[in-house]
């Protein structure tokens, strides 16, 4: 059953926390995103690709393929989500004093 509530969509508040990734490979950082203070998405990865940074949602391997566990349902929200995560990552990169950051990583509410 499809619920069409496009006219009543409210702004999405996103609290993004960035955690540096120190391993090898294309992962630049890991993010946790809390949506409207009531739903959290963990293990969002900021990846280094041949065309620059991109956001990868949490996934699991099913029959040899990786499938996202959770994901934005619309193209517009996917763009908004990715933009907020990448902005938080860029802001975290500019932080000159890692000692001044919270124990859980830098936060960026948007």
N, C-alpha and C. Protein backbone atom coordinates (compact mmCIF):
# COMPACT_ATOMS: atom_id res chain seq x y z
N UNK A 1 0.83 -1.16 0.00
CA UNK A 1 0.00 0.00 0.00
C UNK A 1 0.88 1.24 0.00
N UNK A 2 0.76 2.08 -1.02
CA UNK A 2 1.60 3.26 -1.17
C UNK A 2 0.93 4.46 -0.54
N UNK A 3 1.68 5.18 0.28
CA UNK A 3 1.17 6.36 0.96
C UNK A 3 1.79 7.58 0.30
N UNK A 4 0.99 8.40 -0.38
CA UNK A 4 1.48 9.54 -1.13
C UNK A 4 1.31 10.82 -0.31
N UNK A 5 2.35 11.21 0.45
CA UNK A 5 2.27 12.37 1.33
C UNK A 5 3.27 13.45 0.93
N UNK A 6 3.53 13.62 -0.35
CA UNK A 6 4.52 14.58 -0.81
C UNK A 6 4.20 16.01 -0.39
N UNK A 7 2.93 16.37 -0.30
CA UNK A 7 2.55 17.74 0.04
C UNK A 7 2.80 18.07 1.50
N UNK A 8 2.93 17.07 2.38
CA UNK A 8 3.09 17.33 3.80
C UNK A 8 4.49 16.98 4.31
N UNK A 9 5.47 16.88 3.43
CA UNK A 9 6.82 16.54 3.83
C UNK A 9 7.44 17.72 4.60
N UNK A 10 7.96 17.43 5.78
CA UNK A 10 8.61 18.47 6.57
C UNK A 10 10.12 18.41 6.36
N UNK A 11 10.83 19.49 6.69
CA UNK A 11 12.29 19.47 6.52
C UNK A 11 12.92 18.37 7.37
N UNK A 12 13.96 17.76 6.86
CA UNK A 12 14.65 16.68 7.56
C UNK A 12 15.85 17.27 8.29
N UNK A 13 15.90 17.07 9.60
CA UNK A 13 17.06 17.47 10.39
C UNK A 13 18.01 16.29 10.43
N UNK A 14 19.28 16.55 10.09
CA UNK A 14 20.28 15.48 10.08
C UNK A 14 21.44 15.85 10.98
N UNK A 15 21.74 14.97 11.92
CA UNK A 15 22.91 15.11 12.78
C UNK A 15 23.92 14.10 12.27
N UNK A 16 25.04 14.60 11.75
CA UNK A 16 26.04 13.73 11.13
C UNK A 16 27.30 13.71 11.99
N UNK A 17 27.75 12.51 12.33
CA UNK A 17 29.01 12.34 13.07
C UNK A 17 29.98 11.59 12.16
N UNK A 18 31.19 12.13 12.08
CA UNK A 18 32.22 11.57 11.20
C UNK A 18 33.30 10.91 12.06
N UNK A 19 33.70 9.70 11.68
CA UNK A 19 34.75 8.96 12.37
C UNK A 19 35.83 8.62 11.34
N UNK A 20 37.05 9.12 11.52
CA UNK A 20 38.13 8.82 10.56
C UNK A 20 38.34 7.31 10.46
N UNK A 21 38.67 6.86 9.28
CA UNK A 21 38.95 5.45 9.04
C UNK A 21 40.44 5.32 8.79
N UNK A 22 41.09 4.45 9.51
CA UNK A 22 42.54 4.35 9.44
C UNK A 22 43.03 3.10 8.70
N UNK A 23 42.14 2.38 8.06
CA UNK A 23 42.53 1.16 7.35
C UNK A 23 42.95 1.45 5.92
N UNK A 24 43.31 0.40 5.21
CA UNK A 24 43.67 0.52 3.80
C UNK A 24 42.42 0.48 2.93
N UNK A 25 42.57 0.88 1.68
CA UNK A 25 41.47 0.79 0.74
C UNK A 25 40.78 2.13 0.51
N UNK A 26 39.65 2.09 -0.14
CA UNK A 26 38.98 3.32 -0.58
C UNK A 26 38.13 4.02 0.49
N UNK A 27 37.98 3.44 1.68
CA UNK A 27 37.15 4.07 2.71
C UNK A 27 37.92 5.24 3.32
N UNK A 28 37.34 6.45 3.23
CA UNK A 28 37.96 7.65 3.79
C UNK A 28 37.52 7.87 5.24
N UNK A 29 36.25 7.57 5.53
CA UNK A 29 35.70 7.76 6.87
C UNK A 29 34.39 7.00 6.99
N UNK A 30 33.93 6.88 8.23
CA UNK A 30 32.64 6.26 8.53
C UNK A 30 31.78 7.34 9.16
N UNK A 31 30.48 7.35 8.84
CA UNK A 31 29.57 8.34 9.41
C UNK A 31 28.39 7.65 10.08
N UNK A 32 27.84 8.34 11.07
CA UNK A 32 26.56 7.97 11.67
C UNK A 32 25.65 9.17 11.46
N UNK A 33 24.43 8.91 11.02
CA UNK A 33 23.49 9.98 10.73
C UNK A 33 22.22 9.73 11.53
N UNK A 34 21.79 10.74 12.29
CA UNK A 34 20.53 10.66 13.02
C UNK A 34 19.53 11.57 12.31
N UNK A 35 18.38 11.01 11.96
CA UNK A 35 17.35 11.73 11.21
C UNK A 35 16.25 12.19 12.15
N UNK A 36 16.00 13.49 12.17
CA UNK A 36 14.96 14.10 13.00
C UNK A 36 15.03 13.66 14.46
N UNK A 37 16.21 13.33 14.94
CA UNK A 37 16.39 12.96 16.32
C UNK A 37 15.71 11.65 16.72
N UNK A 38 15.24 10.87 15.72
CA UNK A 38 14.49 9.67 16.10
C UNK A 38 14.87 8.42 15.31
N UNK A 39 15.75 8.50 14.33
CA UNK A 39 16.16 7.31 13.58
C UNK A 39 17.63 7.46 13.23
N UNK A 40 18.44 6.48 13.59
CA UNK A 40 19.88 6.55 13.34
C UNK A 40 20.31 5.55 12.29
N UNK A 41 21.22 5.97 11.44
CA UNK A 41 21.81 5.10 10.42
C UNK A 41 23.31 5.06 10.70
N UNK A 42 23.82 3.90 11.01
CA UNK A 42 25.24 3.71 11.33
C UNK A 42 25.96 3.07 10.15
N UNK A 43 27.26 3.19 10.13
CA UNK A 43 28.12 2.55 9.13
C UNK A 43 27.89 3.09 7.72
N UNK A 44 27.61 4.39 7.62
CA UNK A 44 27.57 5.05 6.31
C UNK A 44 29.03 5.33 5.97
N UNK A 45 29.47 4.90 4.80
CA UNK A 45 30.88 5.05 4.44
C UNK A 45 31.09 6.18 3.43
N UNK A 46 32.13 6.98 3.67
CA UNK A 46 32.58 7.98 2.71
C UNK A 46 33.72 7.30 1.96
N UNK A 47 33.54 7.13 0.66
CA UNK A 47 34.47 6.36 -0.15
C UNK A 47 35.22 7.27 -1.13
N UNK A 48 36.48 6.90 -1.42
CA UNK A 48 37.28 7.57 -2.43
C UNK A 48 37.15 6.78 -3.72
N UNK A 49 36.52 7.40 -4.73
CA UNK A 49 36.37 6.75 -6.02
C UNK A 49 37.22 7.45 -7.07
N UNK A 50 37.24 6.91 -8.27
CA UNK A 50 38.06 7.54 -9.32
C UNK A 50 37.52 8.91 -9.72
N UNK A 51 36.23 9.19 -9.42
CA UNK A 51 35.64 10.49 -9.72
C UNK A 51 35.48 11.36 -8.47
N UNK A 52 36.13 10.99 -7.38
CA UNK A 52 36.04 11.76 -6.15
C UNK A 52 35.31 11.01 -5.05
N UNK A 53 34.94 11.75 -4.00
CA UNK A 53 34.27 11.14 -2.86
C UNK A 53 32.82 10.82 -3.17
N UNK A 54 32.32 9.73 -2.55
CA UNK A 54 30.90 9.41 -2.65
C UNK A 54 30.46 8.71 -1.37
N UNK A 55 29.15 8.66 -1.15
CA UNK A 55 28.58 8.07 0.05
C UNK A 55 28.05 6.68 -0.28
N UNK A 56 28.39 5.73 0.58
CA UNK A 56 27.94 4.35 0.43
C UNK A 56 27.12 3.98 1.66
N UNK A 57 25.92 3.52 1.45
CA UNK A 57 25.02 3.15 2.55
C UNK A 57 25.43 1.80 3.13
N UNK A 58 25.01 1.51 4.38
CA UNK A 58 25.30 0.20 4.97
C UNK A 58 24.72 -0.91 4.09
N UNK A 59 25.47 -1.98 3.92
CA UNK A 59 25.01 -3.06 3.04
C UNK A 59 25.44 -4.41 3.59
N UNK A 60 24.88 -5.46 2.98
CA UNK A 60 25.28 -6.83 3.30
C UNK A 60 25.31 -7.62 2.01
N UNK A 61 26.04 -8.71 2.03
CA UNK A 61 26.19 -9.54 0.85
C UNK A 61 25.05 -10.55 0.80
N UNK A 62 24.32 -10.56 -0.33
CA UNK A 62 23.21 -11.48 -0.55
C UNK A 62 23.42 -12.13 -1.92
N UNK A 63 23.61 -13.44 -1.92
CA UNK A 63 23.81 -14.19 -3.16
C UNK A 63 24.91 -13.58 -4.03
N UNK A 64 26.02 -13.22 -3.40
CA UNK A 64 27.17 -12.72 -4.13
C UNK A 64 27.12 -11.24 -4.47
N UNK A 65 26.04 -10.56 -4.15
CA UNK A 65 25.91 -9.13 -4.44
C UNK A 65 25.71 -8.36 -3.15
N UNK A 66 26.23 -7.13 -3.13
CA UNK A 66 25.99 -6.28 -1.97
C UNK A 66 24.69 -5.53 -2.18
N UNK A 67 23.84 -5.55 -1.13
CA UNK A 67 22.55 -4.87 -1.17
C UNK A 67 22.47 -3.92 0.02
N UNK A 68 22.01 -2.70 -0.25
CA UNK A 68 21.86 -1.74 0.83
C UNK A 68 20.83 -2.23 1.84
N UNK A 69 21.15 -2.04 3.12
CA UNK A 69 20.23 -2.42 4.19
C UNK A 69 19.18 -1.33 4.38
N UNK A 70 19.61 -0.10 4.32
CA UNK A 70 18.69 1.04 4.40
C UNK A 70 19.17 2.07 3.39
N UNK A 71 18.26 2.89 2.92
CA UNK A 71 18.60 3.82 1.85
C UNK A 71 17.51 4.87 1.69
N UNK A 72 17.87 6.05 1.16
CA UNK A 72 16.86 7.06 0.85
C UNK A 72 15.96 6.55 -0.27
N UNK A 73 14.66 6.83 -0.16
CA UNK A 73 13.69 6.30 -1.12
C UNK A 73 13.50 7.18 -2.36
N UNK A 74 13.95 8.42 -2.31
CA UNK A 74 13.80 9.29 -3.47
C UNK A 74 15.16 9.82 -3.91
N UNK A 75 15.26 10.17 -5.16
CA UNK A 75 16.49 10.74 -5.70
C UNK A 75 16.83 12.05 -5.00
N UNK A 76 15.82 12.88 -4.75
CA UNK A 76 16.04 14.17 -4.09
C UNK A 76 16.61 13.98 -2.68
N UNK A 77 16.03 13.06 -1.91
CA UNK A 77 16.53 12.87 -0.56
C UNK A 77 17.90 12.21 -0.56
N UNK A 78 18.17 11.34 -1.53
CA UNK A 78 19.51 10.74 -1.66
C UNK A 78 20.54 11.84 -1.88
N UNK A 79 20.23 12.80 -2.74
CA UNK A 79 21.15 13.90 -3.00
C UNK A 79 21.35 14.75 -1.75
N UNK A 80 20.27 15.03 -1.03
CA UNK A 80 20.34 15.82 0.19
C UNK A 80 21.16 15.07 1.26
N UNK A 81 20.90 13.80 1.44
CA UNK A 81 21.60 12.97 2.42
C UNK A 81 23.10 12.95 2.11
N UNK A 82 23.45 12.64 0.86
CA UNK A 82 24.86 12.59 0.45
C UNK A 82 25.55 13.93 0.66
N UNK A 83 24.87 15.01 0.29
CA UNK A 83 25.44 16.35 0.42
C UNK A 83 25.76 16.65 1.89
N UNK A 84 24.83 16.35 2.79
CA UNK A 84 25.04 16.63 4.22
C UNK A 84 26.20 15.79 4.77
N UNK A 85 26.28 14.52 4.39
CA UNK A 85 27.36 13.66 4.87
C UNK A 85 28.71 14.17 4.34
N UNK A 86 28.78 14.50 3.06
CA UNK A 86 30.04 14.98 2.49
C UNK A 86 30.43 16.34 3.06
N UNK A 87 29.46 17.22 3.33
CA UNK A 87 29.76 18.51 3.97
C UNK A 87 30.33 18.29 5.36
N UNK A 88 29.76 17.37 6.11
CA UNK A 88 30.25 17.07 7.46
C UNK A 88 31.67 16.50 7.39
N UNK A 89 31.93 15.66 6.39
CA UNK A 89 33.27 15.10 6.20
C UNK A 89 34.28 16.21 5.90
N UNK A 90 33.92 17.10 4.98
CA UNK A 90 34.81 18.21 4.62
C UNK A 90 35.08 19.09 5.84
N UNK A 91 34.05 19.36 6.63
CA UNK A 91 34.19 20.17 7.84
C UNK A 91 35.12 19.46 8.84
N UNK A 92 34.98 18.16 8.98
CA UNK A 92 35.84 17.39 9.89
C UNK A 92 37.29 17.43 9.44
N UNK A 93 37.51 17.47 8.12
CA UNK A 93 38.88 17.53 7.58
C UNK A 93 39.54 18.86 7.92
N UNK A 94 38.74 19.92 8.06
CA UNK A 94 39.26 21.26 8.35
C UNK A 94 39.55 21.46 9.82
N UNK A 95 39.07 20.56 10.69
CA UNK A 95 39.28 20.70 12.13
C UNK A 95 40.77 20.60 12.44
N UNK A 96 41.39 21.70 12.86
CA UNK A 96 42.83 21.67 13.11
C UNK A 96 43.21 21.00 14.42
N UNK A 97 42.28 20.91 15.38
CA UNK A 97 42.61 20.40 16.71
C UNK A 97 41.78 19.16 17.05
N UNK A 98 42.30 17.96 16.79
CA UNK A 98 41.53 16.75 17.09
C UNK A 98 41.23 16.60 18.57
N UNK A 99 42.04 17.23 19.46
CA UNK A 99 41.77 17.13 20.89
C UNK A 99 40.53 17.90 21.28
N UNK A 100 40.14 18.88 20.46
CA UNK A 100 38.96 19.68 20.76
C UNK A 100 37.67 19.05 20.30
N UNK A 101 37.74 17.90 19.65
CA UNK A 101 36.55 17.24 19.14
C UNK A 101 35.95 16.35 20.22
N UNK A 102 34.66 16.08 20.09
CA UNK A 102 33.99 15.19 21.02
C UNK A 102 34.60 13.80 20.96
N UNK A 103 34.44 13.05 22.02
CA UNK A 103 34.97 11.69 22.08
C UNK A 103 34.37 10.83 20.97
N UNK A 104 33.12 11.07 20.61
CA UNK A 104 32.44 10.25 19.60
C UNK A 104 32.67 10.76 18.19
N UNK A 105 33.49 11.77 18.00
CA UNK A 105 33.74 12.31 16.68
C UNK A 105 33.05 13.62 16.49
N UNK A 106 33.45 14.38 15.48
CA UNK A 106 32.83 15.67 15.23
C UNK A 106 31.39 15.50 14.80
N UNK A 107 30.57 16.47 15.16
CA UNK A 107 29.15 16.44 14.85
C UNK A 107 28.81 17.61 13.98
N UNK A 108 27.90 17.41 13.04
CA UNK A 108 27.41 18.51 12.23
C UNK A 108 25.92 18.34 12.07
N UNK A 109 25.14 19.17 12.74
CA UNK A 109 23.68 19.12 12.60
C UNK A 109 23.28 19.98 11.43
N UNK A 110 22.40 19.47 10.59
CA UNK A 110 21.98 20.22 9.40
C UNK A 110 20.49 20.18 9.26
